[in-house]
């Protein structure tokens, strides 16, 4: 039995920054051998992005890079050169998957397009993660996470504490939400292609656009627009479901009160304020029609209590309620610590730090992330495996191919 779920897979990752590397990380942390190709002398662009220990920039110490590239092997290679392309083809010949996130047409322009690669390895699955996809009017548009997020409905629908739903400025979620969604969709699709290959023996090309993946998360908004011709999450004053963070004594909470059971539990949690003993609030329709009044009452009474009390007692009463956590609160949360959501990993250059652990728990093949590689750390072992001797490797290094 394999020690990890994907230990029998070999993946070549020719990708930088977030979308492609995050897709590769999902395979690597589950045991696949992920050979990350990096530019000779420079490496992945992510190596030049903070944070750094002590705030001192160093290409081997970028927390941004180290998190996105756990459990991988690094080989420096320039496939755009004839010699580099020859090495690339040898790596592809024994690979199950190629993950790349270059602009559409780039791989073909250097002689490594899908049609070429499939002649070398018909079982190969090529996963191309891009902002807008390999086809369509925006195929060649330049994209970033911010642009993909803003174009995906989620940017427009992010504001939840609004006075004028039609004029409030859209916001951006933290991190790289669109590229992470694109990476997750790409990884899931790649696994589906692997299952299909097991049946047919044939690989395929996966076109995974981050924009489309993020739009696909807005199913409720799309349905509401289809039925009502209006943006769903900007109806704060019309939908009594708690679409905004509500302040309390020492922070913020989210809760729901659309269902009668939720409303009654929230009343009890707040000590059954007499202002809520009105037939105006007895039904969902009544709560919707009198939403502004109801929210003012809730806000007034929530400010009397702290987050810990409201969440603990609210959950005990069956209320759907939760806190708004800061980064520090989430990172140190005992529930996440119990589930090993953050694990310490030693790195020879950066030191020992906590990293986000496996996204899931698996009983038979538990994931186990290891450190991110040093730039070109695995050049010798990987190139020797595909037939290059030490002298040849030294020549490749001197020529700038690796």
Protein backbone atom coordinates (compact mmCIF):
# COMPACT_ATOMS: atom_id res chain seq x y z
CA UNK A 1 0.00 0.00 0.00
CA UNK A 2 1.24 3.48 -0.85
CA UNK A 3 2.41 5.46 2.17
CA UNK A 4 0.49 8.50 0.89
CA UNK A 5 -2.54 8.79 -1.34
CA UNK A 6 -0.69 9.97 -4.47
CA UNK A 7 2.73 8.37 -3.98
CA UNK A 8 2.46 6.62 -7.35
CA UNK A 9 2.17 9.87 -9.35
CA UNK A 10 4.92 11.94 -10.92
CA UNK A 11 4.14 15.58 -11.70
CA UNK A 12 6.23 18.15 -13.55
CA UNK A 13 5.36 21.70 -12.51
CA UNK A 14 6.44 24.45 -14.90
CA UNK A 15 4.69 27.32 -13.16
CA UNK A 16 5.33 30.39 -11.02
CA UNK A 17 3.69 32.47 -8.30
CA UNK A 18 0.30 31.17 -7.08
CA UNK A 19 -2.15 29.32 -9.33
CA UNK A 20 0.08 26.61 -10.81
CA UNK A 21 2.26 26.13 -7.71
CA UNK A 22 -0.79 25.83 -5.44
CA UNK A 23 -2.19 23.17 -7.75
CA UNK A 24 1.14 21.35 -7.59
CA UNK A 25 1.29 21.71 -3.81
CA UNK A 26 -2.01 19.85 -3.47
CA UNK A 27 -0.43 16.87 -5.25
CA UNK A 28 2.92 17.13 -3.46
CA UNK A 29 1.45 17.23 0.06
CA UNK A 30 -0.51 14.06 -0.76
CA UNK A 31 2.67 12.23 -1.73
CA UNK A 32 3.10 12.79 -5.46
CA UNK A 33 6.62 13.47 -6.67
CA UNK A 34 6.34 17.05 -7.93
CA UNK A 35 9.38 18.22 -9.88
CA UNK A 36 9.27 22.00 -9.93
CA UNK A 37 11.11 23.61 -12.84
CA UNK A 38 12.58 27.01 -11.98
CA UNK A 39 14.49 29.59 -13.99
CA UNK A 40 18.27 29.10 -13.69
CA UNK A 41 19.80 31.65 -11.34
CA UNK A 42 16.48 33.31 -10.51
CA UNK A 43 13.88 30.71 -9.62
CA UNK A 44 10.17 31.24 -9.15
CA UNK A 45 9.15 34.91 -8.99
CA UNK A 46 7.50 34.09 -5.65
CA UNK A 47 10.97 33.79 -4.08
CA UNK A 48 11.22 37.59 -4.31
CA UNK A 49 7.98 38.26 -2.42
CA UNK A 50 7.68 38.81 1.35
CA UNK A 51 7.31 37.94 4.15
CA UNK A 52 10.87 37.08 5.14
CA UNK A 53 12.24 36.15 8.59
CA UNK A 54 13.48 39.35 10.18
CA UNK A 55 12.11 41.23 7.16
CA UNK A 56 15.42 40.62 5.33
CA UNK A 57 14.82 39.62 1.69
CA UNK A 58 16.36 36.33 0.62
CA UNK A 59 15.26 34.03 -2.24
CA UNK A 60 15.43 30.96 -0.02
CA UNK A 61 13.45 32.48 2.84
CA UNK A 62 10.28 33.88 1.28
CA UNK A 63 7.31 32.68 3.30
CA UNK A 64 5.19 33.27 0.21
CA UNK A 65 7.29 30.80 -1.80
CA UNK A 66 7.88 28.31 1.01
CA UNK A 67 4.18 27.87 1.75
CA UNK A 68 3.20 27.38 -1.92
CA UNK A 69 5.93 24.86 -2.62
CA UNK A 70 6.06 22.41 0.27
CA UNK A 71 6.97 18.80 -0.47
CA UNK A 72 8.36 19.51 -3.97
CA UNK A 73 11.70 18.95 -5.69
CA UNK A 74 13.42 21.85 -7.48
CA UNK A 75 15.22 21.56 -10.81
CA UNK A 76 16.54 24.66 -12.55
CA UNK A 77 15.87 24.52 -16.28
CA UNK A 78 15.19 26.82 -19.22
CA UNK A 79 12.95 24.83 -21.60
CA UNK A 80 13.01 27.72 -24.09
CA UNK A 81 16.55 26.71 -25.13
CA UNK A 82 17.05 23.72 -27.46
CA UNK A 83 19.00 21.78 -24.83
CA UNK A 84 16.53 22.73 -22.14
CA UNK A 85 13.63 21.59 -24.32
CA UNK A 86 15.34 18.22 -24.84
CA UNK A 87 15.67 17.77 -21.07
CA UNK A 88 12.06 18.87 -20.62
CA UNK A 89 10.88 16.20 -23.07
CA UNK A 90 12.80 13.51 -21.19
CA UNK A 91 11.15 14.59 -17.93
CA UNK A 92 7.74 14.55 -19.59
CA UNK A 93 8.29 11.07 -21.02
CA UNK A 94 7.97 9.52 -17.54
CA UNK A 95 5.51 12.00 -16.02
CA UNK A 96 1.83 11.55 -15.29
CA UNK A 97 0.96 15.25 -15.18
CA UNK A 98 2.37 18.57 -16.37
CA UNK A 99 1.10 21.68 -14.55
CA UNK A 100 1.83 25.00 -16.26
CA UNK A 101 0.47 28.52 -15.90
CA UNK A 102 2.06 30.42 -18.77
CA UNK A 103 0.16 32.67 -21.17
CA UNK A 104 -1.90 30.81 -23.78
CA UNK A 105 0.28 29.95 -26.74
CA UNK A 106 3.59 30.18 -24.87
CA UNK A 107 4.20 26.43 -24.62
CA UNK A 108 3.52 25.97 -28.33
CA UNK A 109 5.80 28.91 -29.16
CA UNK A 110 8.79 27.11 -27.62
CA UNK A 111 7.90 23.82 -29.29
CA UNK A 112 6.31 22.24 -26.21
CA UNK A 113 2.60 22.54 -26.96
CA UNK A 114 0.15 19.80 -26.05
CA UNK A 115 0.16 18.17 -29.49
CA UNK A 116 3.94 17.82 -29.31
CA UNK A 117 3.96 16.52 -25.74
CA UNK A 118 1.26 13.91 -26.36
CA UNK A 119 3.41 12.32 -29.09
CA UNK A 120 6.13 11.85 -26.47
CA UNK A 121 3.78 10.58 -23.77
CA UNK A 122 0.19 9.76 -24.82
CA UNK A 123 -0.75 9.18 -21.16
CA UNK A 124 0.34 12.67 -20.12
CA UNK A 125 -2.24 15.01 -18.59
CA UNK A 126 -1.42 18.66 -19.23
CA UNK A 127 -3.10 21.09 -16.84
CA UNK A 128 -2.94 24.73 -17.96
CA UNK A 129 -4.00 27.25 -15.32
CA UNK A 130 -4.51 30.75 -16.74
CA UNK A 131 -6.51 33.88 -15.89
CA UNK A 132 -9.11 33.55 -18.69
CA UNK A 133 -8.56 30.23 -20.45
CA UNK A 134 -7.13 28.98 -23.73
CA UNK A 135 -10.09 30.19 -25.82
CA UNK A 136 -12.50 33.12 -25.92
CA UNK A 137 -12.22 36.88 -26.53
CA UNK A 138 -10.16 37.44 -23.34
CA UNK A 139 -7.73 34.57 -24.00
CA UNK A 140 -4.76 36.91 -24.35
CA UNK A 141 -5.72 39.42 -21.66
CA UNK A 142 -3.22 39.94 -18.87
CA UNK A 143 -4.74 38.92 -15.56
CA UNK A 144 -3.97 39.04 -11.86
CA UNK A 145 -5.79 37.70 -8.85
CA UNK A 146 -7.31 41.13 -8.22
CA UNK A 147 -8.66 41.39 -11.77
CA UNK A 148 -10.03 37.84 -11.79
CA UNK A 149 -11.67 38.37 -8.40
CA UNK A 150 -13.18 41.71 -9.42
CA UNK A 151 -14.60 40.28 -12.66
CA UNK A 152 -16.07 37.20 -10.98
CA UNK A 153 -19.05 38.80 -9.13
CA UNK A 154 -17.39 38.17 -5.78
CA UNK A 155 -15.72 41.60 -5.85
CA UNK A 156 -19.01 43.37 -6.48
CA UNK A 157 -20.82 41.28 -3.89
CA UNK A 158 -18.17 41.50 -1.16
CA UNK A 159 -19.59 44.56 0.68
CA UNK A 160 -22.03 43.41 3.33
CA UNK A 161 -22.26 46.42 5.67
CA UNK A 162 -23.70 48.98 3.29
CA UNK A 163 -25.94 52.03 3.44
CA UNK A 164 -26.49 52.37 -0.30
CA UNK A 165 -26.22 49.01 -2.08
CA UNK A 166 -25.99 50.65 -5.48
CA UNK A 167 -23.10 53.01 -4.78
CA UNK A 168 -20.94 51.18 -2.22
CA UNK A 169 -17.48 50.45 -3.60
CA UNK A 170 -16.59 46.80 -4.26
CA UNK A 171 -13.89 45.26 -2.08
CA UNK A 172 -11.20 42.66 -2.51
CA UNK A 173 -10.89 39.54 -0.40
CA UNK A 174 -7.48 39.05 1.26
CA UNK A 175 -4.89 36.70 -0.14
CA UNK A 176 -5.24 35.27 -3.64
CA UNK A 177 -8.81 34.00 -3.64
CA UNK A 178 -9.30 33.73 -7.40
CA UNK A 179 -5.98 32.04 -8.06
CA UNK A 180 -6.52 29.64 -5.16
CA UNK A 181 -9.95 28.74 -6.55
CA UNK A 182 -8.41 28.23 -9.99
CA UNK A 183 -5.74 26.00 -8.45
CA UNK A 184 -8.27 23.90 -6.55
CA UNK A 185 -10.44 23.47 -9.64
CA UNK A 186 -7.38 22.53 -11.69
CA UNK A 187 -6.26 19.94 -9.13
CA UNK A 188 -9.71 18.35 -8.92
CA UNK A 189 -10.03 18.25 -12.71
CA UNK A 190 -6.58 16.70 -13.01
CA UNK A 191 -7.57 13.88 -10.66
CA UNK A 192 -10.69 13.28 -12.75
CA UNK A 193 -8.48 13.06 -15.84
CA UNK A 194 -6.26 10.54 -14.04
CA UNK A 195 -9.31 8.36 -13.32
CA UNK A 196 -10.32 8.63 -16.99
CA UNK A 197 -6.80 7.70 -18.08
CA UNK A 198 -6.93 4.61 -15.88
CA UNK A 199 -9.94 3.49 -17.93
CA UNK A 200 -8.76 4.49 -21.41
CA UNK A 201 -4.98 4.78 -21.24
CA UNK A 202 -5.18 8.25 -22.80
CA UNK A 203 -4.16 11.57 -21.33
CA UNK A 204 -5.76 14.93 -22.12
CA UNK A 205 -5.35 18.71 -21.92
CA UNK A 206 -7.13 20.56 -19.11
CA UNK A 207 -7.96 24.24 -19.63
CA UNK A 208 -8.46 25.71 -16.12
CA UNK A 209 -9.23 29.47 -16.04
CA UNK A 210 -9.15 31.17 -12.64
CA UNK A 211 -11.83 33.72 -13.59
CA UNK A 212 -14.35 31.08 -14.59
CA UNK A 213 -13.60 28.99 -11.49
CA UNK A 214 -14.31 32.00 -9.27
CA UNK A 215 -17.49 32.97 -11.12
CA UNK A 216 -18.66 29.42 -10.49
CA UNK A 217 -18.71 30.06 -6.73
CA UNK A 218 -21.48 32.65 -7.18
CA UNK A 219 -24.28 30.15 -7.81
CA UNK A 220 -26.78 31.78 -5.41
CA UNK A 221 -26.10 35.22 -6.83
CA UNK A 222 -26.57 33.92 -10.38
CA UNK A 223 -29.83 32.21 -9.45
CA UNK A 224 -31.15 35.34 -7.73
CA UNK A 225 -30.22 37.45 -10.74
CA UNK A 226 -31.90 34.99 -13.09
CA UNK A 227 -35.12 35.05 -11.08
CA UNK A 228 -35.20 38.61 -9.74
CA UNK A 229 -32.83 40.55 -12.04
CA UNK A 230 -31.08 42.03 -9.01
CA UNK A 231 -27.77 41.34 -7.20
CA UNK A 232 -28.49 39.00 -4.30
CA UNK A 233 -25.98 39.96 -1.61
CA UNK A 234 -26.63 43.69 -1.96
CA UNK A 235 -30.17 43.21 -0.69
CA UNK A 236 -29.04 43.63 2.91
CA UNK A 237 -32.14 45.57 3.84
CA UNK A 238 -34.45 43.04 2.20
CA UNK A 239 -33.11 39.69 3.39
CA UNK A 240 -33.14 39.07 7.13
CA UNK A 241 -30.38 36.49 7.29
CA UNK A 242 -27.50 38.36 8.95
CA UNK A 243 -25.45 39.37 5.93
CA UNK A 244 -23.13 41.62 7.90
CA UNK A 245 -20.70 41.30 10.81
CA UNK A 246 -22.40 42.57 13.96
CA UNK A 247 -20.37 44.30 16.67
CA UNK A 248 -20.35 43.12 20.26
CA UNK A 249 -18.30 44.15 23.29
CA UNK A 250 -14.91 42.85 22.13
CA UNK A 251 -15.24 41.96 18.45
CA UNK A 252 -17.70 40.91 15.79
CA UNK A 253 -19.95 37.92 15.20
CA UNK A 254 -22.05 36.58 12.36
CA UNK A 255 -25.40 35.00 13.04
CA UNK A 256 -28.64 34.12 11.25
CA UNK A 257 -32.23 34.81 12.19
CA UNK A 258 -34.22 34.09 9.05
CA UNK A 259 -35.67 30.81 10.35
CA UNK A 260 -38.10 31.00 13.25
CA UNK A 261 -35.93 28.67 15.34
CA UNK A 262 -32.91 30.91 14.83
CA UNK A 263 -34.86 34.03 15.71
CA UNK A 264 -36.23 32.50 18.92
CA UNK A 265 -32.74 31.26 19.91
CA UNK A 266 -31.26 34.71 19.33
CA UNK A 267 -33.98 36.31 21.43
CA UNK A 268 -33.25 33.90 24.27
CA UNK A 269 -29.48 34.46 23.95
CA UNK A 270 -30.01 38.21 24.39
CA UNK A 271 -32.24 37.72 27.43
CA UNK A 272 -35.59 38.07 25.64
CA UNK A 273 -35.54 41.87 25.31
CA UNK A 274 -39.12 43.19 25.59
CA UNK A 275 -38.64 45.23 22.39
CA UNK A 276 -38.63 41.94 20.48
CA UNK A 277 -42.01 40.84 21.88
CA UNK A 278 -43.92 42.13 18.88
CA UNK A 279 -46.04 40.30 16.37
CA UNK A 280 -44.18 42.32 13.73
CA UNK A 281 -41.23 39.95 14.16
CA UNK A 282 -43.10 36.64 14.50
CA UNK A 283 -42.77 35.65 10.85
CA UNK A 284 -40.01 35.77 8.26
CA UNK A 285 -42.04 38.19 6.17
CA UNK A 286 -42.52 40.44 9.20
CA UNK A 287 -38.81 40.36 10.04
CA UNK A 288 -37.95 41.25 6.45
CA UNK A 289 -40.42 44.15 6.36
CA UNK A 290 -39.10 45.51 9.66
CA UNK A 291 -35.47 44.59 9.19
CA UNK A 292 -33.99 48.02 9.97
CA UNK A 293 -35.78 48.19 13.32
CA UNK A 294 -34.83 44.62 14.16
CA UNK A 295 -31.16 45.17 13.41
CA UNK A 296 -30.97 48.25 15.63
CA UNK A 297 -32.36 46.23 18.52
CA UNK A 298 -29.95 43.36 17.93
CA UNK A 299 -26.96 45.70 17.70
CA UNK A 300 -27.89 47.45 20.95
CA UNK A 301 -28.07 44.18 22.89
CA UNK A 302 -25.11 42.44 21.26
CA UNK A 303 -22.87 45.29 22.44
CA UNK A 304 -23.60 44.23 26.03
CA UNK A 305 -21.84 40.87 25.61
CA UNK A 306 -18.45 39.56 24.52
CA UNK A 307 -17.74 37.25 21.61
CA UNK A 308 -16.92 34.19 23.70
CA UNK A 309 -20.23 34.30 25.59
CA UNK A 310 -22.36 34.94 22.52
CA UNK A 311 -20.81 32.15 20.48
CA UNK A 312 -20.69 29.56 23.27
CA UNK A 313 -24.22 30.16 24.51
CA UNK A 314 -25.62 30.74 21.04
CA UNK A 315 -24.32 27.40 19.83
CA UNK A 316 -25.72 25.71 22.93
CA UNK A 317 -29.13 27.15 22.06
CA UNK A 318 -28.89 25.83 18.50
CA UNK A 319 -28.20 29.20 16.94
CA UNK A 320 -26.02 29.41 13.82
CA UNK A 321 -23.42 31.86 15.13
CA UNK A 322 -19.69 32.31 14.87
CA UNK A 323 -16.92 34.81 15.61
CA UNK A 324 -15.01 37.00 13.16
CA UNK A 325 -11.43 35.92 13.82
CA UNK A 326 -8.23 37.89 13.34
CA UNK A 327 -5.23 36.15 11.76
CA UNK A 328 -3.68 35.63 15.20
CA UNK A 329 -6.88 34.13 16.61
CA UNK A 330 -7.18 31.69 13.71
CA UNK A 331 -3.50 30.73 13.80
CA UNK A 332 -3.62 29.94 17.52
CA UNK A 333 -7.12 28.48 17.65
CA UNK A 334 -7.26 25.26 19.72
CA UNK A 335 -9.68 23.56 17.32
CA UNK A 336 -7.35 24.06 14.36
CA UNK A 337 -4.33 23.10 16.46
CA UNK A 338 -6.05 19.88 17.50
CA UNK A 339 -6.62 19.03 13.84
CA UNK A 340 -2.98 19.84 12.91
CA UNK A 341 -4.12 22.63 10.61
CA UNK A 342 -0.73 24.25 11.27
CA UNK A 343 2.43 22.18 11.47
CA UNK A 344 6.05 23.14 12.22
CA UNK A 345 8.51 22.52 9.39
CA UNK A 346 12.28 23.03 9.48
CA UNK A 347 14.02 24.69 6.55
CA UNK A 348 17.83 24.85 6.31
CA UNK A 349 17.83 28.53 5.32
CA UNK A 350 14.60 30.03 6.71
CA UNK A 351 14.48 28.11 9.99
CA UNK A 352 11.57 26.48 11.78
CA UNK A 353 8.11 27.98 11.26
CA UNK A 354 4.50 26.89 11.29
CA UNK A 355 2.91 26.19 7.92
CA UNK A 356 -0.71 25.45 7.04
CA UNK A 357 -1.01 21.68 7.19
CA UNK A 358 -3.03 19.26 5.09
CA UNK A 359 -6.43 20.46 3.93
CA UNK A 360 -8.00 17.11 4.84
CA UNK A 361 -7.42 14.15 7.15
CA UNK A 362 -7.11 10.67 5.66
CA UNK A 363 -7.11 7.54 7.80
CA UNK A 364 -5.30 5.11 5.49
CA UNK A 365 -2.87 7.48 3.73
CA UNK A 366 -2.37 10.54 5.93
CA UNK A 367 -0.83 13.59 4.20
CA UNK A 368 2.53 14.77 5.45
CA UNK A 369 4.00 18.01 4.12
CA UNK A 370 7.76 18.45 3.99
CA UNK A 371 9.81 21.59 3.45
CA UNK A 372 9.99 23.53 0.20
CA UNK A 373 13.15 22.92 -1.87
CA UNK A 374 16.20 25.11 -2.26
CA UNK A 375 16.67 26.50 -5.76
CA UNK A 376 17.98 23.69 -7.98
CA UNK A 377 18.41 21.39 -4.99
CA UNK A 378 17.44 18.28 -6.96
CA UNK A 379 19.23 18.97 -10.24
CA UNK A 380 21.69 16.13 -9.90
CA UNK A 381 19.35 13.40 -8.66
CA UNK A 382 16.63 14.13 -11.24
CA UNK A 383 18.95 14.61 -14.21
CA UNK A 384 20.92 11.47 -13.36
CA UNK A 385 17.64 9.57 -13.27
CA UNK A 386 16.93 10.51 -16.90
CA UNK A 387 20.41 9.60 -18.09
CA UNK A 388 22.75 12.57 -17.55
CA UNK A 389 26.18 12.07 -16.02
CA UNK A 390 27.88 14.41 -13.56
CA UNK A 391 30.15 15.89 -16.23
CA UNK A 392 27.17 16.58 -18.49
CA UNK A 393 25.30 18.21 -15.63
CA UNK A 394 28.27 20.46 -14.92
CA UNK A 395 28.35 21.48 -18.60
CA UNK A 396 24.62 22.24 -18.53
CA UNK A 397 25.14 24.42 -15.47
CA UNK A 398 28.04 26.29 -17.06
CA UNK A 399 25.94 26.94 -20.17
CA UNK A 400 23.08 28.37 -18.10
CA UNK A 401 20.65 25.64 -19.18
CA UNK A 402 20.14 24.58 -15.56
